[in-house]
Amino acid sequence: MTVFAKCHHGFSYYPTEVGTRHPNLAVPDLMGARIEALHGIGAQALIYVSIMWDDLAGEKEPGWVIAQGRKPHDPSSSLKRVALDRGMDDARRLYRIW
């Protein structure tokens, strides 16, 4: 089962140290609760981290936004790799994921 760590709006679903936690979560650590439930039934959790779209990052860093009609950057670009690594390191700090 796939569990959201960070959505394309830029919000994290766990108590992140590098991002912005979703402001409307009824469960403060929704990702952790889902991982725990899956592990409880012997299932692994696939973690979803959006790195192609991020509304919050675009608001904070307008130069990162790709204008309509321009070819998007390669998803394997070094900037996206840094974003993914940073987000996953943050999540690994709290959970048993790889």
N, C-alpha and C. Protein backbone atom coordinates (compact mmCIF):
# COMPACT_ATOMS: atom_id res chain seq x y z
N MET A 1 0.84 -1.16 0.00
CA MET A 1 0.00 0.00 0.00
C MET A 1 0.89 1.24 0.00
N THR A 2 0.49 2.27 -0.71
CA THR A 2 1.24 3.51 -0.78
C THR A 2 0.77 4.47 0.30
N VAL A 3 1.71 5.06 0.98
CA VAL A 3 1.44 6.01 2.06
C VAL A 3 2.06 7.35 1.67
N PHE A 4 1.28 8.42 1.75
CA PHE A 4 1.78 9.74 1.41
C PHE A 4 2.75 10.25 2.47
N ALA A 5 3.92 10.70 2.03
CA ALA A 5 4.85 11.42 2.90
C ALA A 5 4.72 12.92 2.59
N LYS A 6 4.70 13.27 1.28
CA LYS A 6 4.58 14.67 0.85
C LYS A 6 3.80 14.72 -0.45
N CYS A 7 2.78 15.56 -0.47
CA CYS A 7 1.92 15.67 -1.66
C CYS A 7 2.41 16.77 -2.60
N HIS A 8 1.76 16.88 -3.76
CA HIS A 8 2.17 17.87 -4.75
C HIS A 8 1.84 19.30 -4.33
N HIS A 9 1.05 19.46 -3.27
CA HIS A 9 0.82 20.80 -2.73
C HIS A 9 2.00 21.24 -1.87
N GLY A 10 2.86 20.27 -1.50
CA GLY A 10 4.06 20.57 -0.72
C GLY A 10 3.94 20.24 0.75
N PHE A 11 2.80 19.72 1.18
CA PHE A 11 2.59 19.41 2.60
C PHE A 11 3.05 18.00 2.94
N SER A 12 3.65 17.86 4.12
CA SER A 12 4.06 16.56 4.64
C SER A 12 2.98 16.02 5.56
N TYR A 13 2.91 14.70 5.64
CA TYR A 13 1.88 14.03 6.43
C TYR A 13 2.48 13.37 7.68
N TYR A 14 3.58 13.93 8.14
CA TYR A 14 4.27 13.46 9.34
C TYR A 14 4.98 14.67 9.94
N PRO A 15 5.49 14.56 11.18
CA PRO A 15 6.15 15.71 11.82
C PRO A 15 7.55 15.95 11.24
N THR A 16 7.60 16.58 10.10
CA THR A 16 8.83 16.83 9.36
C THR A 16 9.70 17.91 10.02
N GLU A 17 11.00 17.78 9.81
CA GLU A 17 11.94 18.82 10.26
C GLU A 17 12.41 19.68 9.08
N VAL A 18 12.14 19.25 7.84
CA VAL A 18 12.63 20.00 6.68
C VAL A 18 11.51 20.58 5.82
N GLY A 19 10.28 20.20 6.06
CA GLY A 19 9.17 20.67 5.24
C GLY A 19 8.08 21.35 6.06
N THR A 20 6.87 21.31 5.53
CA THR A 20 5.70 21.91 6.18
C THR A 20 4.66 20.83 6.38
N ARG A 21 4.31 20.56 7.65
CA ARG A 21 3.29 19.55 7.93
C ARG A 21 1.94 20.07 7.47
N HIS A 22 1.12 19.18 6.93
CA HIS A 22 -0.21 19.55 6.46
C HIS A 22 -0.98 20.19 7.62
N PRO A 23 -1.55 21.38 7.41
CA PRO A 23 -2.19 22.08 8.53
C PRO A 23 -3.53 21.51 8.97
N ASN A 24 -4.14 20.63 8.20
CA ASN A 24 -5.49 20.15 8.51
C ASN A 24 -5.55 18.67 8.86
N LEU A 25 -4.46 18.09 9.32
CA LEU A 25 -4.47 16.68 9.67
C LEU A 25 -5.19 16.47 11.01
N ALA A 26 -6.15 15.56 11.02
CA ALA A 26 -6.83 15.20 12.27
C ALA A 26 -5.89 14.35 13.13
N VAL A 27 -5.00 13.60 12.47
CA VAL A 27 -3.99 12.78 13.14
C VAL A 27 -2.65 13.46 12.86
N PRO A 28 -1.97 13.99 13.88
CA PRO A 28 -0.74 14.75 13.63
C PRO A 28 0.33 14.00 12.85
N ASP A 29 0.39 12.68 13.00
CA ASP A 29 1.37 11.87 12.29
C ASP A 29 0.62 10.81 11.49
N LEU A 30 -0.08 11.24 10.45
CA LEU A 30 -0.89 10.33 9.65
C LEU A 30 -0.03 9.27 8.98
N MET A 31 1.12 9.68 8.46
CA MET A 31 2.00 8.72 7.81
C MET A 31 2.46 7.65 8.80
N GLY A 32 2.87 8.04 9.98
CA GLY A 32 3.32 7.09 10.99
C GLY A 32 2.23 6.12 11.39
N ALA A 33 1.00 6.63 11.54
CA ALA A 33 -0.13 5.77 11.91
C ALA A 33 -0.40 4.73 10.83
N ARG A 34 -0.30 5.13 9.57
CA ARG A 34 -0.54 4.20 8.47
C ARG A 34 0.57 3.16 8.37
N ILE A 35 1.81 3.60 8.55
CA ILE A 35 2.94 2.65 8.51
C ILE A 35 2.79 1.63 9.63
N GLU A 36 2.46 2.10 10.83
CA GLU A 36 2.29 1.21 11.97
C GLU A 36 1.18 0.20 11.72
N ALA A 37 0.06 0.66 11.15
CA ALA A 37 -1.06 -0.25 10.85
C ALA A 37 -0.65 -1.30 9.83
N LEU A 38 0.07 -0.90 8.80
CA LEU A 38 0.52 -1.85 7.78
C LEU A 38 1.51 -2.86 8.36
N HIS A 39 2.47 -2.37 9.13
CA HIS A 39 3.43 -3.28 9.75
C HIS A 39 2.72 -4.25 10.70
N GLY A 40 1.64 -3.76 11.33
CA GLY A 40 0.87 -4.60 12.25
C GLY A 40 0.23 -5.81 11.58
N ILE A 41 -0.03 -5.71 10.29
CA ILE A 41 -0.61 -6.85 9.56
C ILE A 41 0.43 -7.53 8.67
N GLY A 42 1.70 -7.16 8.89
CA GLY A 42 2.78 -7.81 8.16
C GLY A 42 3.00 -7.27 6.75
N ALA A 43 2.46 -6.10 6.46
CA ALA A 43 2.61 -5.50 5.13
C ALA A 43 3.65 -4.39 5.15
N GLN A 44 4.29 -4.18 4.00
CA GLN A 44 5.24 -3.08 3.87
C GLN A 44 4.53 -1.85 3.35
N ALA A 45 5.08 -0.70 3.65
CA ALA A 45 4.53 0.56 3.19
C ALA A 45 5.42 1.14 2.10
N LEU A 46 4.83 1.50 0.98
CA LEU A 46 5.54 2.23 -0.07
C LEU A 46 5.30 3.71 0.21
N ILE A 47 6.36 4.49 0.26
CA ILE A 47 6.26 5.89 0.64
C ILE A 47 6.23 6.76 -0.62
N TYR A 48 5.22 7.63 -0.73
CA TYR A 48 5.08 8.53 -1.86
C TYR A 48 5.58 9.92 -1.47
N VAL A 49 6.53 10.42 -2.25
CA VAL A 49 7.04 11.78 -2.07
C VAL A 49 6.97 12.47 -3.43
N SER A 50 6.17 13.51 -3.52
CA SER A 50 6.06 14.25 -4.78
C SER A 50 7.29 15.14 -4.94
N ILE A 51 8.01 14.95 -6.05
CA ILE A 51 9.17 15.81 -6.30
C ILE A 51 9.02 16.59 -7.61
N MET A 52 8.03 16.24 -8.41
CA MET A 52 7.86 16.94 -9.68
C MET A 52 7.06 18.23 -9.50
N TRP A 53 6.05 18.18 -8.65
CA TRP A 53 5.22 19.35 -8.38
C TRP A 53 5.26 19.64 -6.89
N ASP A 54 5.31 20.92 -6.53
CA ASP A 54 5.34 21.33 -5.13
C ASP A 54 4.88 22.79 -5.06
N ASP A 55 3.60 22.99 -4.77
CA ASP A 55 3.04 24.34 -4.72
C ASP A 55 3.75 25.24 -3.72
N LEU A 56 4.04 24.72 -2.52
CA LEU A 56 4.70 25.53 -1.50
C LEU A 56 6.08 25.98 -1.94
N ALA A 57 6.85 25.07 -2.56
CA ALA A 57 8.18 25.43 -3.03
C ALA A 57 8.09 26.50 -4.11
N GLY A 58 7.08 26.39 -4.99
CA GLY A 58 6.89 27.39 -6.04
C GLY A 58 6.54 28.76 -5.48
N GLU A 59 5.78 28.78 -4.38
CA GLU A 59 5.44 30.06 -3.74
C GLU A 59 6.67 30.67 -3.06
N LYS A 60 7.50 29.81 -2.44
CA LYS A 60 8.69 30.30 -1.74
C LYS A 60 9.82 30.67 -2.69
N GLU A 61 9.93 29.92 -3.80
CA GLU A 61 11.02 30.10 -4.76
C GLU A 61 10.44 30.21 -6.17
N PRO A 62 9.90 31.38 -6.56
CA PRO A 62 9.25 31.53 -7.87
C PRO A 62 10.15 31.15 -9.06
N GLY A 63 11.45 31.26 -8.91
CA GLY A 63 12.37 30.90 -9.98
C GLY A 63 12.39 29.41 -10.29
N TRP A 64 11.84 28.60 -9.40
CA TRP A 64 11.79 27.17 -9.61
C TRP A 64 10.59 26.76 -10.46
N VAL A 65 9.63 27.64 -10.64
CA VAL A 65 8.41 27.31 -11.37
C VAL A 65 8.69 27.28 -12.87
N ILE A 66 8.22 26.23 -13.52
CA ILE A 66 8.38 26.10 -14.96
C ILE A 66 7.19 26.78 -15.62
N ALA A 67 7.46 27.75 -16.48
CA ALA A 67 6.39 28.48 -17.15
C ALA A 67 5.62 27.55 -18.09
N GLN A 68 4.32 27.81 -18.23
CA GLN A 68 3.48 27.01 -19.11
C GLN A 68 4.04 27.05 -20.53
N GLY A 69 4.10 25.88 -21.15
CA GLY A 69 4.60 25.80 -22.51
C GLY A 69 6.08 25.46 -22.61
N ARG A 70 6.81 25.60 -21.51
CA ARG A 70 8.23 25.21 -21.52
C ARG A 70 8.36 23.74 -21.20
N LYS A 71 9.36 23.13 -21.75
CA LYS A 71 9.61 21.71 -21.51
C LYS A 71 10.04 21.52 -20.05
N PRO A 72 9.39 20.60 -19.34
CA PRO A 72 9.80 20.37 -17.95
C PRO A 72 11.20 19.77 -17.85
N HIS A 73 11.81 20.00 -16.72
CA HIS A 73 13.14 19.45 -16.47
C HIS A 73 13.08 17.93 -16.36
N ASP A 74 14.20 17.30 -16.59
CA ASP A 74 14.32 15.85 -16.46
C ASP A 74 14.05 15.46 -15.00
N PRO A 75 13.11 14.53 -14.75
CA PRO A 75 12.81 14.12 -13.37
C PRO A 75 14.00 13.56 -12.61
N SER A 76 15.05 13.16 -13.32
CA SER A 76 16.22 12.63 -12.63
C SER A 76 17.26 13.72 -12.36
N SER A 77 16.88 14.99 -12.55
CA SER A 77 17.82 16.09 -12.36
C SER A 77 18.37 16.10 -10.94
N SER A 78 19.52 16.72 -10.77
CA SER A 78 20.18 16.73 -9.47
C SER A 78 19.34 17.46 -8.43
N LEU A 79 18.61 18.52 -8.81
CA LEU A 79 17.77 19.25 -7.86
C LEU A 79 16.66 18.35 -7.31
N LYS A 80 16.03 17.59 -8.19
CA LYS A 80 14.98 16.66 -7.74
C LYS A 80 15.57 15.55 -6.88
N ARG A 81 16.76 15.10 -7.22
CA ARG A 81 17.42 14.06 -6.42
C ARG A 81 17.70 14.57 -5.01
N VAL A 82 18.16 15.82 -4.90
CA VAL A 82 18.41 16.41 -3.59
C VAL A 82 17.12 16.51 -2.80
N ALA A 83 16.03 16.94 -3.45
CA ALA A 83 14.73 17.06 -2.78
C ALA A 83 14.25 15.70 -2.28
N LEU A 84 14.37 14.69 -3.11
CA LEU A 84 13.94 13.35 -2.71
C LEU A 84 14.80 12.83 -1.56
N ASP A 85 16.12 12.95 -1.68
CA ASP A 85 17.02 12.46 -0.64
C ASP A 85 16.75 13.17 0.69
N ARG A 86 16.56 14.46 0.64
CA ARG A 86 16.32 15.24 1.86
C ARG A 86 15.00 14.82 2.52
N GLY A 87 13.96 14.66 1.71
CA GLY A 87 12.67 14.24 2.25
C GLY A 87 12.70 12.84 2.80
N MET A 88 13.38 11.93 2.12
CA MET A 88 13.44 10.55 2.59
C MET A 88 14.31 10.43 3.83
N ASP A 89 15.40 11.20 3.91
CA ASP A 89 16.22 11.19 5.12
C ASP A 89 15.40 11.66 6.31
N ASP A 90 14.57 12.67 6.09
CA ASP A 90 13.70 13.20 7.14
C ASP A 90 12.72 12.11 7.60
N ALA A 91 12.12 11.39 6.67
CA ALA A 91 11.16 10.34 7.01
C ALA A 91 11.85 9.14 7.66
N ARG A 92 13.04 8.79 7.18
CA ARG A 92 13.78 7.66 7.75
C ARG A 92 14.16 7.91 9.21
N ARG A 93 14.29 9.16 9.58
CA ARG A 93 14.62 9.52 10.95
C ARG A 93 13.54 9.02 11.90
N LEU A 94 12.29 8.92 11.44
CA LEU A 94 11.16 8.55 12.29
C LEU A 94 10.65 7.14 12.10
N TYR A 95 10.83 6.57 10.91
CA TYR A 95 10.14 5.32 10.58
C TYR A 95 11.09 4.26 10.04
N ARG A 96 10.66 3.01 10.15
CA ARG A 96 11.39 1.88 9.59
C ARG A 96 11.04 1.76 8.11
N ILE A 97 11.69 2.56 7.30
CA ILE A 97 11.50 2.51 5.84
C ILE A 97 12.89 2.51 5.21
N TRP A 98 12.95 2.11 3.93
CA TRP A 98 14.23 2.11 3.23
C TRP A 98 14.12 2.80 1.93
